[in-house]
PDB file of all heavy atoms in Angstrom:
ATOM      1  N   ALA A   1     140.868 319.412 126.876  1.00  0.00           N
ATOM      2  CA  ALA A   1     141.630 319.782 128.079  1.00  0.00           C
ATOM      3  C   ALA A   1     140.743 320.407 129.144  1.00  0.00           C
ATOM      4  O   ALA A   1     141.097 320.418 130.330  1.00  0.00           O
ATOM      5  CB  ALA A   1     142.749 320.745 127.704  1.00  0.00           C
ATOM      6  N   ASP A   2     139.594 320.924 128.739  1.00  0.00           N
ATOM      7  CA  ASP A   2     138.682 321.560 129.696  1.00  0.00           C
ATOM      8  C   ASP A   2     137.726 320.568 130.350  1.00  0.00           C
ATOM      9  O   ASP A   2     136.942 320.944 131.217  1.00  0.00           O
ATOM     10  CB  ASP A   2     137.864 322.649 128.989  1.00  0.00           C
ATOM     11  CG  ASP A   2     138.745 323.727 128.382  1.00  0.00           C
ATOM     12  OD1 ASP A   2     139.796 324.023 128.993  1.00  0.00           O
ATOM     13  OD2 ASP A   2     138.404 324.233 127.297  1.00  0.00           O
ATOM     14  N   VAL A   3     137.783 319.287 129.929  1.00  0.00           N
ATOM     15  CA  VAL A   3     136.894 318.259 130.482  1.00  0.00           C
ATOM     16  C   VAL A   3     137.573 317.606 131.681  1.00  0.00           C
ATOM     17  O   VAL A   3     138.769 317.306 131.636  1.00  0.00           O
ATOM     18  CB  VAL A   3     136.554 317.204 129.414  1.00  0.00           C
ATOM     19  CG1 VAL A   3     135.651 316.117 129.992  1.00  0.00           C
ATOM     20  CG2 VAL A   3     135.884 317.871 128.217  1.00  0.00           C
ATOM     21  N   ALA A   4     136.831 317.382 132.727  1.00  0.00           N
ATOM     22  CA  ALA A   4     137.411 316.890 133.989  1.00  0.00           C
ATOM     23  C   ALA A   4     137.608 315.387 133.995  1.00  0.00           C
ATOM     24  O   ALA A   4     137.248 314.686 134.949  1.00  0.00           O
ATOM     25  CB  ALA A   4     136.516 317.304 135.148  1.00  0.00           C
ATOM     26  N   HIS A   5     138.192 314.843 132.920  1.00  0.00           N
ATOM     27  CA  HIS A   5     138.512 313.422 132.872  1.00  0.00           C
ATOM     28  C   HIS A   5     139.961 313.213 133.297  1.00  0.00           C
ATOM     29  O   HIS A   5     140.819 314.052 133.016  1.00  0.00           O
ATOM     30  CB  HIS A   5     138.319 312.867 131.461  1.00  0.00           C
ATOM     31  CG  HIS A   5     136.893 312.760 131.030  1.00  0.00           C
ATOM     32  ND1 HIS A   5     136.523 312.369 129.764  1.00  0.00           N
ATOM     33  CD2 HIS A   5     135.733 312.992 131.699  1.00  0.00           C
ATOM     34  CE1 HIS A   5     135.204 312.356 129.669  1.00  0.00           C
ATOM     35  NE2 HIS A   5     134.707 312.741 130.829  1.00  0.00           N
ATOM     36  N   THR A   6     140.237 312.105 133.935  1.00  0.00           N
ATOM     37  CA  THR A   6     141.597 311.727 134.313  1.00  0.00           C
ATOM     38  C   THR A   6     141.798 310.259 133.955  1.00  0.00           C
ATOM     39  O   THR A   6     140.826 309.538 133.722  1.00  0.00           O
ATOM     40  CB  THR A   6     141.826 311.899 135.827  1.00  0.00           C
ATOM     41  OG1 THR A   6     141.013 310.941 136.528  1.00  0.00           O
ATOM     42  CG2 THR A   6     141.472 313.303 136.281  1.00  0.00           C
ATOM     43  N   PRO A   7     143.045 309.785 133.908  1.00  0.00           N
ATOM     44  CA  PRO A   7     143.254 308.352 133.657  1.00  0.00           C
ATOM     45  C   PRO A   7     142.536 307.465 134.678  1.00  0.00           C
ATOM     46  O   PRO A   7     142.097 306.366 134.349  1.00  0.00           O
ATOM     47  CB  PRO A   7     144.777 308.207 133.753  1.00  0.00           C
ATOM     48  CG  PRO A   7     145.296 309.551 133.358  1.00  0.00           C
ATOM     49  CD  PRO A   7     144.316 310.531 133.938  1.00  0.00           C
ATOM     50  N   GLU A   8     142.420 307.963 135.909  1.00  0.00           N
ATOM     51  CA  GLU A   8     141.738 307.186 136.941  1.00  0.00           C
ATOM     52  C   GLU A   8     140.224 307.265 136.813  1.00  0.00           C
ATOM     53  O   GLU A   8     139.512 306.351 137.219  1.00  0.00           O
ATOM     54  CB  GLU A   8     142.157 307.679 138.329  1.00  0.00           C
ATOM     55  CG  GLU A   8     143.621 307.454 138.679  1.00  0.00           C
ATOM     56  CD  GLU A   8     144.560 308.393 137.941  1.00  0.00           C
ATOM     57  OE1 GLU A   8     144.122 309.523 137.588  1.00  0.00           O
ATOM     58  OE2 GLU A   8     145.711 307.996 137.680  1.00  0.00           O
ATOM     59  N   ALA A   9     139.706 308.346 136.260  1.00  0.00           N
ATOM     60  CA  ALA A   9     138.270 308.535 136.069  1.00  0.00           C
ATOM     61  C   ALA A   9     138.048 309.088 134.665  1.00  0.00           C
ATOM     62  O   ALA A   9     137.776 310.279 134.484  1.00  0.00           O
ATOM     63  CB  ALA A   9     137.715 309.485 137.120  1.00  0.00           C
ATOM     64  N   PRO A  10     138.182 308.219 133.634  1.00  0.00           N
ATOM     65  CA  PRO A  10     138.203 308.715 132.262  1.00  0.00           C
ATOM     66  C   PRO A  10     136.849 309.121 131.695  1.00  0.00           C
ATOM     67  O   PRO A  10     136.799 309.710 130.621  1.00  0.00           O
ATOM     68  CB  PRO A  10     138.765 307.522 131.485  1.00  0.00           C
ATOM     69  CG  PRO A  10     138.376 306.336 132.299  1.00  0.00           C
ATOM     70  CD  PRO A  10     138.434 306.781 133.728  1.00  0.00           C
ATOM     71  N   GLY A  11     135.783 308.828 132.379  1.00  0.00           N
ATOM     72  CA  GLY A  11     134.480 309.160 131.826  1.00  0.00           C
ATOM     73  C   GLY A  11     133.974 308.064 130.907  1.00  0.00           C
ATOM     74  O   GLY A  11     134.709 307.152 130.523  1.00  0.00           O
ATOM     75  N   ALA A  12     132.700 308.153 130.533  1.00  0.00           N
ATOM     76  CA  ALA A  12     132.086 307.145 129.676  1.00  0.00           C
ATOM     77  C   ALA A  12     132.640 307.241 128.258  1.00  0.00           C
ATOM     78  O   ALA A  12     132.997 308.328 127.797  1.00  0.00           O
ATOM     79  CB  ALA A  12     130.578 307.336 129.661  1.00  0.00           C
ATOM     80  N   PRO A  13     132.696 306.109 127.540  1.00  0.00           N
ATOM     81  CA  PRO A  13     133.214 306.137 126.171  1.00  0.00           C
ATOM     82  C   PRO A  13     132.508 307.148 125.272  1.00  0.00           C
ATOM     83  O   PRO A  13     133.156 307.827 124.471  1.00  0.00           O
ATOM     84  CB  PRO A  13     132.983 304.703 125.688  1.00  0.00           C
ATOM     85  CG  PRO A  13     133.073 303.878 126.931  1.00  0.00           C
ATOM     86  CD  PRO A  13     132.448 304.728 128.002  1.00  0.00           C
ATOM     87  N   ALA A  14     131.202 307.286 125.411  1.00  0.00           N
ATOM     88  CA  ALA A  14     130.476 308.237 124.559  1.00  0.00           C
ATOM     89  C   ALA A  14     130.888 309.673 124.855  1.00  0.00           C
ATOM     90  O   ALA A  14     130.934 310.516 123.951  1.00  0.00           O
ATOM     91  CB  ALA A  14     128.981 308.069 124.757  1.00  0.00           C
ATOM     92  N   GLU A  15     131.207 309.966 126.121  1.00  0.00           N
ATOM     93  CA  GLU A  15     131.671 311.316 126.482  1.00  0.00           C
ATOM     94  C   GLU A  15     133.029 311.591 125.854  1.00  0.00           C
ATOM     95  O   GLU A  15     133.285 312.691 125.357  1.00  0.00           O
ATOM     96  CB  GLU A  15     131.763 311.436 128.005  1.00  0.00           C
ATOM     97  CG  GLU A  15     130.426 311.335 128.720  1.00  0.00           C
ATOM     98  CD  GLU A  15     130.601 311.315 130.229  1.00  0.00           C
ATOM     99  OE1 GLU A  15     131.558 310.679 130.724  1.00  0.00           O
ATOM    100  OE2 GLU A  15     129.773 311.932 130.916  1.00  0.00           O
ATOM    101  N   ILE A  16     133.897 310.599 125.875  1.00  0.00           N
ATOM    102  CA  ILE A  16     135.217 310.759 125.271  1.00  0.00           C
ATOM    103  C   ILE A  16     135.089 310.903 123.758  1.00  0.00           C
ATOM    104  O   ILE A  16     135.743 311.740 123.138  1.00  0.00           O
ATOM    105  CB  ILE A  16     136.115 309.556 125.633  1.00  0.00           C
ATOM    106  CG1 ILE A  16     136.301 309.474 127.156  1.00  0.00           C
ATOM    107  CG2 ILE A  16     137.465 309.665 124.933  1.00  0.00           C
ATOM    108  CD1 ILE A  16     136.989 308.213 127.614  1.00  0.00           C
ATOM    109  N   ALA A  17     134.227 310.083 123.160  1.00  0.00           N
ATOM    110  CA  ALA A  17     134.077 310.076 121.704  1.00  0.00           C
ATOM    111  C   ALA A  17     133.702 311.438 121.155  1.00  0.00           C
ATOM    112  O   ALA A  17     134.100 311.801 120.035  1.00  0.00           O
ATOM    113  CB  ALA A  17     133.032 309.038 121.301  1.00  0.00           C
ATOM    114  N   ALA A  18     132.959 312.203 121.932  1.00  0.00           N
ATOM    115  CA  ALA A  18     132.504 313.514 121.460  1.00  0.00           C
ATOM    116  C   ALA A  18     133.662 314.485 121.238  1.00  0.00           C
ATOM    117  O   ALA A  18     133.499 315.497 120.540  1.00  0.00           O
ATOM    118  CB  ALA A  18     131.527 314.106 122.470  1.00  0.00           C
ATOM    119  N   TYR A  19     134.834 314.193 121.800  1.00  0.00           N
ATOM    120  CA  TYR A  19     135.968 315.098 121.711  1.00  0.00           C
ATOM    121  C   TYR A  19     137.110 314.558 120.850  1.00  0.00           C
ATOM    122  O   TYR A  19     138.187 315.153 120.805  1.00  0.00           O
ATOM    123  CB  TYR A  19     136.502 315.400 123.113  1.00  0.00           C
ATOM    124  CG  TYR A  19     135.574 316.277 123.925  1.00  0.00           C
ATOM    125  CD1 TYR A  19     134.582 315.703 124.722  1.00  0.00           C
ATOM    126  CD2 TYR A  19     135.667 317.666 123.875  1.00  0.00           C
ATOM    127  CE1 TYR A  19     133.716 316.501 125.463  1.00  0.00           C
ATOM    128  CE2 TYR A  19     134.806 318.458 124.613  1.00  0.00           C
ATOM    129  CZ  TYR A  19     133.836 317.877 125.400  1.00  0.00           C
ATOM    130  OH  TYR A  19     132.980 318.671 126.127  1.00  0.00           O
ATOM    131  N   VAL A  20     136.905 313.444 120.170  1.00  0.00           N
ATOM    132  CA  VAL A  20     137.960 312.903 119.314  1.00  0.00           C
ATOM    133  C   VAL A  20     138.130 313.776 118.073  1.00  0.00           C
ATOM    134  O   VAL A  20     137.153 314.143 117.425  1.00  0.00           O
ATOM    135  CB  VAL A  20     137.641 311.457 118.902  1.00  0.00           C
ATOM    136  CG1 VAL A  20     138.664 310.955 117.877  1.00  0.00           C
ATOM    137  CG2 VAL A  20     137.641 310.540 120.119  1.00  0.00           C
ATOM    138  N   ASP A  21     139.364 314.113 117.756  1.00  0.00           N
ATOM    139  CA  ASP A  21     139.686 314.807 116.510  1.00  0.00           C
ATOM    140  C   ASP A  21     139.893 313.723 115.451  1.00  0.00           C
ATOM    141  O   ASP A  21     140.986 313.159 115.304  1.00  0.00           O
ATOM    142  CB  ASP A  21     140.953 315.646 116.703  1.00  0.00           C
ATOM    143  CG  ASP A  21     141.305 316.476 115.476  1.00  0.00           C
ATOM    144  OD1 ASP A  21     140.924 316.073 114.362  1.00  0.00           O
ATOM    145  OD2 ASP A  21     141.969 317.516 115.643  1.00  0.00           O
ATOM    146  N   TRP A  22     138.836 313.443 114.712  1.00  0.00           N
ATOM    147  CA  TRP A  22     138.894 312.306 113.794  1.00  0.00           C
ATOM    148  C   TRP A  22     139.840 312.551 112.629  1.00  0.00           C
ATOM    149  O   TRP A  22     140.531 311.625 112.178  1.00  0.00           O
ATOM    150  CB  TRP A  22     137.494 311.951 113.304  1.00  0.00           C
ATOM    151  CG  TRP A  22     136.707 311.269 114.384  1.00  0.00           C
ATOM    152  CD1 TRP A  22     135.709 311.796 115.147  1.00  0.00           C
ATOM    153  CD2 TRP A  22     136.917 309.924 114.851  1.00  0.00           C
ATOM    154  NE1 TRP A  22     135.273 310.859 116.070  1.00  0.00           N
ATOM    155  CE2 TRP A  22     135.994 309.716 115.905  1.00  0.00           C
ATOM    156  CE3 TRP A  22     137.773 308.904 114.497  1.00  0.00           C
ATOM    157  CZ2 TRP A  22     135.913 308.511 116.596  1.00  0.00           C
ATOM    158  CZ3 TRP A  22     137.703 307.696 115.182  1.00  0.00           C
ATOM    159  CH2 TRP A  22     136.776 307.511 116.213  1.00  0.00           C
ATOM    160  N   ALA A  23     139.892 313.761 112.133  1.00  0.00           N
ATOM    161  CA  ALA A  23     140.799 314.052 111.012  1.00  0.00           C
ATOM    162  C   ALA A  23     142.250 313.813 111.415  1.00  0.00           C
ATOM    163  O   ALA A  23     143.033 313.202 110.677  1.00  0.00           O
ATOM    164  CB  ALA A  23     140.602 315.484 110.531  1.00  0.00           C
ATOM    165  N   ALA A  24     142.634 314.294 112.604  1.00  0.00           N
ATOM    166  CA  ALA A  24     144.014 314.107 113.073  1.00  0.00           C
ATOM    167  C   ALA A  24     144.293 312.649 113.414  1.00  0.00           C
ATOM    168  O   ALA A  24     145.407 312.152 113.211  1.00  0.00           O
ATOM    169  CB  ALA A  24     144.263 314.993 114.286  1.00  0.00           C
ATOM    170  N   THR A  25     143.298 311.963 113.944  1.00  0.00           N
ATOM    171  CA  THR A  25     143.456 310.551 114.296  1.00  0.00           C
ATOM    172  C   THR A  25     143.708 309.714 113.048  1.00  0.00           C
ATOM    173  O   THR A  25     144.599 308.857 113.026  1.00  0.00           O
ATOM    174  CB  THR A  25     142.209 310.053 115.041  1.00  0.00           C
ATOM    175  OG1 THR A  25     142.112 310.744 116.298  1.00  0.00           O
ATOM    176  CG2 THR A  25     142.277 308.566 115.312  1.00  0.00           C
ATOM    177  N   VAL A  26     142.939 309.957 112.005  1.00  0.00           N
ATOM    178  CA  VAL A  26     143.137 309.217 110.753  1.00  0.00           C
ATOM    179  C   VAL A  26     144.464 309.611 110.106  1.00  0.00           C
ATOM    180  O   VAL A  26     145.186 308.753 109.574  1.00  0.00           O
ATOM    181  CB  VAL A  26     141.957 309.468 109.794  1.00  0.00           C
ATOM    182  CG1 VAL A  26     142.237 308.848 108.424  1.00  0.00           C
ATOM    183  CG2 VAL A  26     140.671 308.911 110.381  1.00  0.00           C
ATOM    184  N   ALA A  27     144.823 310.891 110.160  1.00  0.00           N
ATOM    185  CA  ALA A  27     146.084 311.343 109.569  1.00  0.00           C
ATOM    186  C   ALA A  27     147.279 310.651 110.207  1.00  0.00           C
ATOM    187  O   ALA A  27     148.289 310.365 109.535  1.00  0.00           O
ATOM    188  CB  ALA A  27     146.211 312.856 109.709  1.00  0.00           C
ATOM    189  N   GLN A  28     147.180 310.389 111.504  1.00  0.00           N
ATOM    190  CA  GLN A  28     148.259 309.687 112.204  1.00  0.00           C
ATOM    191  C   GLN A  28     148.460 308.292 111.606  1.00  0.00           C
ATOM    192  O   GLN A  28     149.592 307.842 111.390  1.00  0.00           O
ATOM    193  CB  GLN A  28     147.886 309.586 113.685  1.00  0.00           C
ATOM    194  CG  GLN A  28     148.974 309.040 114.593  1.00  0.00           C
ATOM    195  CD  GLN A  28     148.468 308.962 116.017  1.00  0.00           C
ATOM    196  OE1 GLN A  28     147.461 308.320 116.294  1.00  0.00           O
ATOM    197  NE2 GLN A  28     149.148 309.635 116.930  1.00  0.00           N
ATOM    198  N   ARG A  29     147.357 307.610 111.315  1.00  0.00           N
ATOM    199  CA  ARG A  29     147.453 306.274 110.734  1.00  0.00           C
ATOM    200  C   ARG A  29     147.973 306.335 109.292  1.00  0.00           C
ATOM    201  O   ARG A  29     148.756 305.475 108.871  1.00  0.00           O
ATOM    202  CB  ARG A  29     146.087 305.607 110.791  1.00  0.00           C
ATOM    203  CG  ARG A  29     145.748 305.114 112.198  1.00  0.00           C
ATOM    204  CD  ARG A  29     144.283 305.309 112.547  1.00  0.00           C
ATOM    205  NE  ARG A  29     144.015 304.818 113.906  1.00  0.00           N
ATOM    206  CZ  ARG A  29     144.321 305.491 115.015  1.00  0.00           C
ATOM    207  NH1 ARG A  29     144.902 306.686 114.939  1.00  0.00           N
ATOM    208  NH2 ARG A  29     144.060 304.982 116.205  1.00  0.00           N
ATOM    209  N   GLU A  30     147.535 307.352 108.554  1.00  0.00           N
ATOM    210  CA  GLU A  30     147.997 307.487 107.177  1.00  0.00           C
ATOM    211  C   GLU A  30     149.494 307.770 107.127  1.00  0.00           C
ATOM    212  O   GLU A  30     150.196 307.269 106.236  1.00  0.00           O
ATOM    213  CB  GLU A  30     147.201 308.595 106.483  1.00  0.00           C
ATOM    214  CG  GLU A  30     145.735 308.227 106.259  1.00  0.00           C
ATOM    215  CD  GLU A  30     144.903 309.376 105.737  1.00  0.00           C
ATOM    216  OE1 GLU A  30     145.286 310.547 105.985  1.00  0.00           O
ATOM    217  OE2 GLU A  30     143.871 309.120 105.092  1.00  0.00           O
ATOM    218  N   ARG A  31     149.988 308.544 108.078  1.00  0.00           N
ATOM    219  CA  ARG A  31     151.426 308.823 108.127  1.00  0.00           C
ATOM    220  C   ARG A  31     152.211 307.532 108.387  1.00  0.00           C
ATOM    221  O   ARG A  31     153.218 307.256 107.733  1.00  0.00           O
ATOM    222  CB  ARG A  31     151.736 309.844 109.222  1.00  0.00           C
ATOM    223  CG  ARG A  31     153.233 310.110 109.397  1.00  0.00           C
ATOM    224  CD  ARG A  31     153.502 311.175 110.460  1.00  0.00           C
ATOM    225  NE  ARG A  31     154.934 311.393 110.605  1.00  0.00           N
ATOM    226  CZ  ARG A  31     155.725 310.699 111.424  1.00  0.00           C
ATOM    227  NH1 ARG A  31     155.216 309.745 112.175  1.00  0.00           N
ATOM    228  NH2 ARG A  31     157.015 310.963 111.498  1.00  0.00           N
ATOM    229  N   LEU A  32     151.761 306.722 109.353  1.00  0.00           N
ATOM    230  CA  LEU A  32     152.429 305.457 109.637  1.00  0.00           C
ATOM    231  C   LEU A  32     152.384 304.536 108.426  1.00  0.00           C
ATOM    232  O   LEU A  32     153.357 303.843 108.114  1.00  0.00           O
ATOM    233  CB  LEU A  32     151.777 304.781 110.848  1.00  0.00           C
ATOM    234  CG  LEU A  32     152.043 305.459 112.195  1.00  0.00           C
ATOM    235  CD1 LEU A  32     151.145 304.874 113.276  1.00  0.00           C
ATOM    236  CD2 LEU A  32     153.505 305.329 112.589  1.00  0.00           C
ATOM    237  N   ASP A  33     151.254 304.532 107.731  1.00  0.00           N
ATOM    238  CA  ASP A  33     151.117 303.710 106.538  1.00  0.00           C
ATOM    239  C   ASP A  33     152.134 304.123 105.475  1.00  0.00           C
ATOM    240  O   ASP A  33     152.764 303.279 104.840  1.00  0.00           O
ATOM    241  CB  ASP A  33     149.687 303.836 106.001  1.00  0.00           C
ATOM    242  CG  ASP A  33     149.437 302.943 104.805  1.00  0.00           C
ATOM    243  OD1 ASP A  33     149.523 301.707 104.951  1.00  0.00           O
ATOM    244  OD2 ASP A  33     149.161 303.484 103.718  1.00  0.00           O
ATOM    245  N   ARG A  34     152.322 305.443 105.297  1.00  0.00           N
ATOM    246  CA  ARG A  34     153.302 305.924 104.311  1.00  0.00           C
ATOM    247  C   ARG A  34     154.719 305.506 104.676  1.00  0.00           C
ATOM    248  O   ARG A  34     155.577 305.344 103.810  1.00  0.00           O
ATOM    249  CB  ARG A  34     153.225 307.457 104.190  1.00  0.00           C
ATOM    250  CG  ARG A  34     151.972 307.960 103.482  1.00  0.00           C
ATOM    251  CD  ARG A  34     152.099 309.427 103.103  1.00  0.00           C
ATOM    252  NE  ARG A  34     152.279 310.295 104.265  1.00  0.00           N
ATOM    253  CZ  ARG A  34     151.291 310.834 104.960  1.00  0.00           C
ATOM    254  NH1 ARG A  34     150.024 310.573 104.645  1.00  0.00           N
ATOM    255  NH2 ARG A  34     151.545 311.635 105.992  1.00  0.00           N
ATOM    256  N   LEU A  35     154.990 305.340 105.955  1.00  0.00           N
ATOM    257  CA  LEU A  35     156.312 304.923 106.416  1.00  0.00           C
ATOM    258  C   LEU A  35     156.506 303.407 106.321  1.00  0.00           C
ATOM    259  O   LEU A  35     157.564 302.895 106.665  1.00  0.00           O
ATOM    260  CB  LEU A  35     156.536 305.383 107.861  1.00  0.00           C
ATOM    261  CG  LEU A  35     156.649 306.896 108.054  1.00  0.00           C
ATOM    262  CD1 LEU A  35     156.663 307.250 109.534  1.00  0.00           C
ATOM    263  CD2 LEU A  35     157.891 307.435 107.372  1.00  0.00           C
ATOM    264  N   GLY A  36     155.451 302.687 105.898  1.00  0.00           N
ATOM    265  CA  GLY A  36     155.580 301.254 105.690  1.00  0.00           C
ATOM    266  C   GLY A  36     155.039 300.386 106.806  1.00  0.00           C
ATOM    267  O   GLY A  36     155.182 299.168 106.769  1.00  0.00           O
ATOM    268  N   PHE A  37     154.410 300.999 107.797  1.00  0.00           N
ATOM    269  CA  PHE A  37     153.861 300.226 108.913  1.00  0.00           C
ATOM    270  C   PHE A  37     152.432 299.781 108.633  1.00  0.00           C
ATOM    271  O   PHE A  37     151.640 300.526 108.057  1.00  0.00           O
ATOM    272  CB  PHE A  37     153.826 301.076 110.198  1.00  0.00           C
ATOM    273  CG  PHE A  37     155.167 301.374 110.779  1.00  0.00           C
ATOM    274  CD1 PHE A  37     155.801 302.573 110.500  1.00  0.00           C
ATOM    275  CD2 PHE A  37     155.807 300.467 111.603  1.00  0.00           C
ATOM    276  CE1 PHE A  37     157.048 302.869 111.038  1.00  0.00           C
ATOM    277  CE2 PHE A  37     157.043 300.746 112.141  1.00  0.00           C
ATOM    278  CZ  PHE A  37     157.669 301.951 111.864  1.00  0.00           C
ATOM    279  N   GLY A  38     152.097 298.570 109.080  1.00  0.00           N
ATOM    280  CA  GLY A  38     150.698 298.199 109.205  1.00  0.00           C
ATOM    281  C   GLY A  38     150.170 298.784 110.503  1.00  0.00           C
ATOM    282  O   GLY A  38     150.932 299.149 111.404  1.00  0.00           O
ATOM    283  N   ILE A  39     148.852 298.877 110.632  1.00  0.00           N
ATOM    284  CA  ILE A  39     148.235 299.495 111.803  1.00  0.00           C
ATOM    285  C   ILE A  39     147.616 298.426 112.703  1.00  0.00           C
ATOM    286  O   ILE A  39     146.882 297.560 112.228  1.00  0.00           O
ATOM    287  CB  ILE A  39     147.149 300.512 111.377  1.00  0.00           C
ATOM    288  CG1 ILE A  39     147.749 301.607 110.492  1.00  0.00           C
ATOM    289  CG2 ILE A  39     146.458 301.110 112.596  1.00  0.00           C
ATOM    290  CD1 ILE A  39     148.821 302.438 111.158  1.00  0.00           C
TER     291      ILE A  39
END
């Protein structure tokens, strides 16, 4: 939230990647999988 990216100026992919919460991102997919969805 402290990074000055916007949908219109999202920044480079590597800059965004540095702030991904990988544990939460994977957990989101695991939750959908438990509900019977493919990803």
